[in-house]
Protein backbone atom coordinates (compact mmCIF):
# COMPACT_ATOMS: atom_id res chain seq x y z
CA UNK A 1 139.47 155.90 221.31
CA UNK A 2 139.57 159.56 220.40
CA UNK A 3 141.22 162.49 222.10
CA UNK A 4 138.70 165.11 221.10
CA UNK A 5 135.23 165.11 219.69
CA UNK A 6 135.38 165.56 215.93
CA UNK A 7 138.97 164.36 215.54
CA UNK A 8 139.69 161.28 213.44
CA UNK A 9 138.94 158.02 215.22
CA UNK A 10 142.12 156.42 216.47
CA UNK A 11 142.13 153.04 218.23
CA UNK A 12 144.78 151.84 220.60
CA UNK A 13 145.74 148.35 221.53
CA UNK A 14 144.96 147.36 225.10
CA UNK A 15 148.07 147.17 227.23
CA UNK A 16 148.57 144.25 229.53
CA UNK A 17 149.44 145.07 233.12
CA UNK A 18 153.09 144.61 234.02
CA UNK A 19 152.33 141.82 236.52
CA UNK A 20 150.68 139.81 233.74
CA UNK A 21 154.01 138.99 232.08
CA UNK A 22 155.80 138.03 235.25
CA UNK A 23 153.17 135.88 236.96
CA UNK A 24 154.68 132.36 236.73
CA UNK A 25 151.58 130.56 237.98
CA UNK A 26 147.99 131.40 238.69
CA UNK A 27 147.26 131.63 242.49
CA UNK A 28 144.30 129.23 242.35
CA UNK A 29 143.42 125.85 241.01
CA UNK A 30 141.73 126.40 237.68
CA UNK A 31 140.05 123.98 235.24
CA UNK A 32 138.62 123.95 231.73
CA UNK A 33 136.63 121.04 230.28
CA UNK A 34 134.92 120.67 226.98
CA UNK A 35 133.89 118.06 224.37
CA UNK A 36 134.97 118.36 220.71
CA UNK A 37 134.17 116.52 217.53
CA UNK A 38 136.58 113.75 216.85
CA UNK A 39 137.94 115.46 213.73
CA UNK A 40 141.05 117.39 212.81
CA UNK A 41 138.98 120.55 213.13
CA UNK A 42 137.90 119.57 216.63
CA UNK A 43 141.52 118.96 217.65
CA UNK A 44 142.50 122.34 216.21
CA UNK A 45 139.68 124.11 218.05
CA UNK A 46 140.62 122.36 221.33
CA UNK A 47 144.21 123.57 220.95
CA UNK A 48 143.22 127.10 220.20
CA UNK A 49 140.73 127.43 223.08
CA UNK A 50 143.16 125.84 225.58
CA UNK A 51 145.91 128.27 224.45
CA UNK A 52 143.58 131.19 224.99
CA UNK A 53 142.56 129.83 228.40
CA UNK A 54 146.22 129.36 229.52
CA UNK A 55 146.90 132.97 228.48
CA UNK A 56 143.87 134.22 230.44
CA UNK A 57 145.05 132.25 233.46
CA UNK A 58 148.41 134.02 233.47
CA UNK A 59 150.55 131.65 231.45
CA UNK A 60 151.34 134.02 228.59
CA UNK A 61 151.55 133.09 224.90
CA UNK A 62 155.17 134.06 224.55
CA UNK A 63 156.48 131.85 227.38
CA UNK A 64 158.21 128.51 226.89
CA UNK A 65 155.86 126.81 229.40
CA UNK A 66 152.80 127.93 227.39
CA UNK A 67 154.35 126.56 224.20
CA UNK A 68 155.26 123.25 225.83
CA UNK A 69 151.78 122.74 227.34
CA UNK A 70 150.09 123.60 224.05
CA UNK A 71 152.39 121.28 222.07
CA UNK A 72 151.69 118.33 224.43
CA UNK A 73 147.94 119.12 224.23
CA UNK A 74 148.09 119.26 220.44
CA UNK A 75 149.75 115.87 220.29
CA UNK A 76 147.24 114.23 222.63
CA UNK A 77 144.22 115.72 220.79
CA UNK A 78 145.60 114.71 217.44
CA UNK A 79 146.20 111.17 218.71
CA UNK A 80 142.61 111.06 220.02
CA UNK A 81 141.34 112.00 216.58
CA UNK A 82 143.69 109.64 214.69
CA UNK A 83 143.71 106.59 216.96
CA UNK A 84 140.60 107.01 219.10
CA UNK A 85 138.11 108.17 216.52
CA UNK A 86 134.68 106.47 216.50
CA UNK A 87 132.21 107.94 214.00
CA UNK A 88 129.60 110.07 215.66
CA UNK A 89 131.52 110.23 218.95
CA UNK A 90 133.53 113.04 220.53
CA UNK A 91 136.66 113.43 222.58
CA UNK A 92 136.78 115.35 225.82
CA UNK A 93 139.55 117.75 226.88
CA UNK A 94 140.21 118.62 230.49
CA UNK A 95 142.85 121.19 231.33
CA UNK A 96 143.69 121.84 234.99
CA UNK A 97 146.23 124.04 236.68
CA UNK A 98 147.14 123.00 240.18
CA UNK A 99 148.59 125.95 242.12
CA UNK A 100 149.99 123.80 244.97
CA UNK A 101 152.08 121.58 242.70
CA UNK A 102 152.56 124.29 239.99
CA UNK A 103 151.64 121.92 237.22
CA UNK A 104 149.23 121.78 234.28
CA UNK A 105 147.42 118.48 233.79
CA UNK A 106 146.03 117.72 230.40
CA UNK A 107 143.52 114.86 230.02
CA UNK A 108 142.12 113.78 226.65
CA UNK A 109 139.40 111.10 226.74
CA UNK A 110 138.23 109.31 223.64
CA UNK A 111 135.67 106.49 223.12
CA UNK A 112 137.91 103.77 221.61
CA UNK A 113 139.35 101.26 224.17
CA UNK A 114 140.77 98.69 221.73
CA UNK A 115 143.61 100.95 220.52
CA UNK A 116 145.73 101.66 223.59
CA UNK A 117 148.93 103.66 223.62
CA UNK A 118 152.17 101.93 224.72
CA UNK A 119 153.35 102.14 228.24
CA UNK A 120 155.40 105.24 228.96
CA UNK A 121 158.48 103.09 229.72
CA UNK A 122 158.31 101.11 226.45
CA UNK A 123 157.82 103.66 223.68
CA UNK A 124 158.84 102.14 220.37
CA UNK A 125 161.43 103.95 218.32
CA UNK A 126 160.25 105.34 214.99
CA UNK A 127 162.26 104.35 211.97
CA UNK A 128 163.94 106.93 209.68
CA UNK A 129 161.39 106.24 206.91
CA UNK A 130 158.36 106.28 209.24
CA UNK A 131 156.00 109.20 208.73
CA UNK A 132 154.55 108.95 212.25
CA UNK A 133 155.24 107.45 215.64
CA UNK A 134 157.07 110.35 217.30
CA UNK A 135 154.24 112.11 219.00
CA UNK A 136 154.33 110.27 222.33
CA UNK A 137 158.11 110.58 222.41
CA UNK A 138 157.60 114.37 222.09
CA UNK A 139 155.00 114.23 224.95
CA UNK A 140 157.48 112.18 227.09
CA UNK A 141 160.18 114.74 226.44
CA UNK A 142 158.09 117.83 227.30
CA UNK A 143 155.86 116.56 230.06
CA UNK A 144 157.00 115.88 233.58
CA UNK A 145 155.06 112.61 233.47
CA UNK A 146 152.32 111.05 231.34
CA UNK A 147 150.21 107.92 231.08
CA UNK A 148 146.85 106.50 230.27
CA UNK A 149 143.97 104.69 231.95
CA UNK A 150 140.60 103.28 230.98
CA UNK A 151 137.71 105.69 231.47
CA UNK A 152 136.86 106.03 235.14
CA UNK A 153 133.13 106.58 234.42
CA UNK A 154 132.77 103.05 233.06
CA UNK A 155 132.13 104.24 229.49
CA UNK A 156 134.01 102.92 226.49
CA UNK A 157 137.42 104.41 225.81
CA UNK A 158 140.49 105.68 227.54
CA UNK A 159 142.00 108.84 229.00
CA UNK A 160 145.52 109.83 228.06
CA UNK A 161 146.99 112.41 230.44
CA UNK A 162 150.14 114.43 230.80
CA UNK A 163 151.43 116.82 233.45
CA UNK A 164 153.72 119.73 232.65
CA UNK A 165 155.55 121.69 235.32
CA UNK A 166 155.12 125.46 235.32
CA UNK A 167 158.53 126.08 236.86
CA UNK A 168 161.73 125.27 235.07
CA UNK A 169 164.00 122.68 236.70
CA UNK A 170 166.93 124.06 238.59
């Protein structure tokens, strides 16, 4: 933006309204759903688009709730790529904010039903030398609740879901 015609061009960064930073939860139920390639690049794109969507919905980037939701989402999409990958197939991400319950629900659906995650109550402990096996423990620690089910549309695969509260516990 310029102040006067003929003066050097000077751009300014857009300023967020003050209410943007203090809105703890969007006022309406909101949802985002998209399919991604079952590759690390697809998981990365899902994480980035979801992070942008949360920010646009009023859950700002610099909040601890935003970071927790994105971290849970990153784990679930990475697991869909690593454990649910079927060549030529995709995974589907659904992100939903429920204003009434003040929660974000993350659902990641892949097309592989023979590799099921453990039950939330019986997560195995990862050994000190193990290079993996901690992702679902991280999800269990950050999410209010989580679980999995076979696809409801009758297709092959499963849906792993997690719910994160938008309010901090008292």
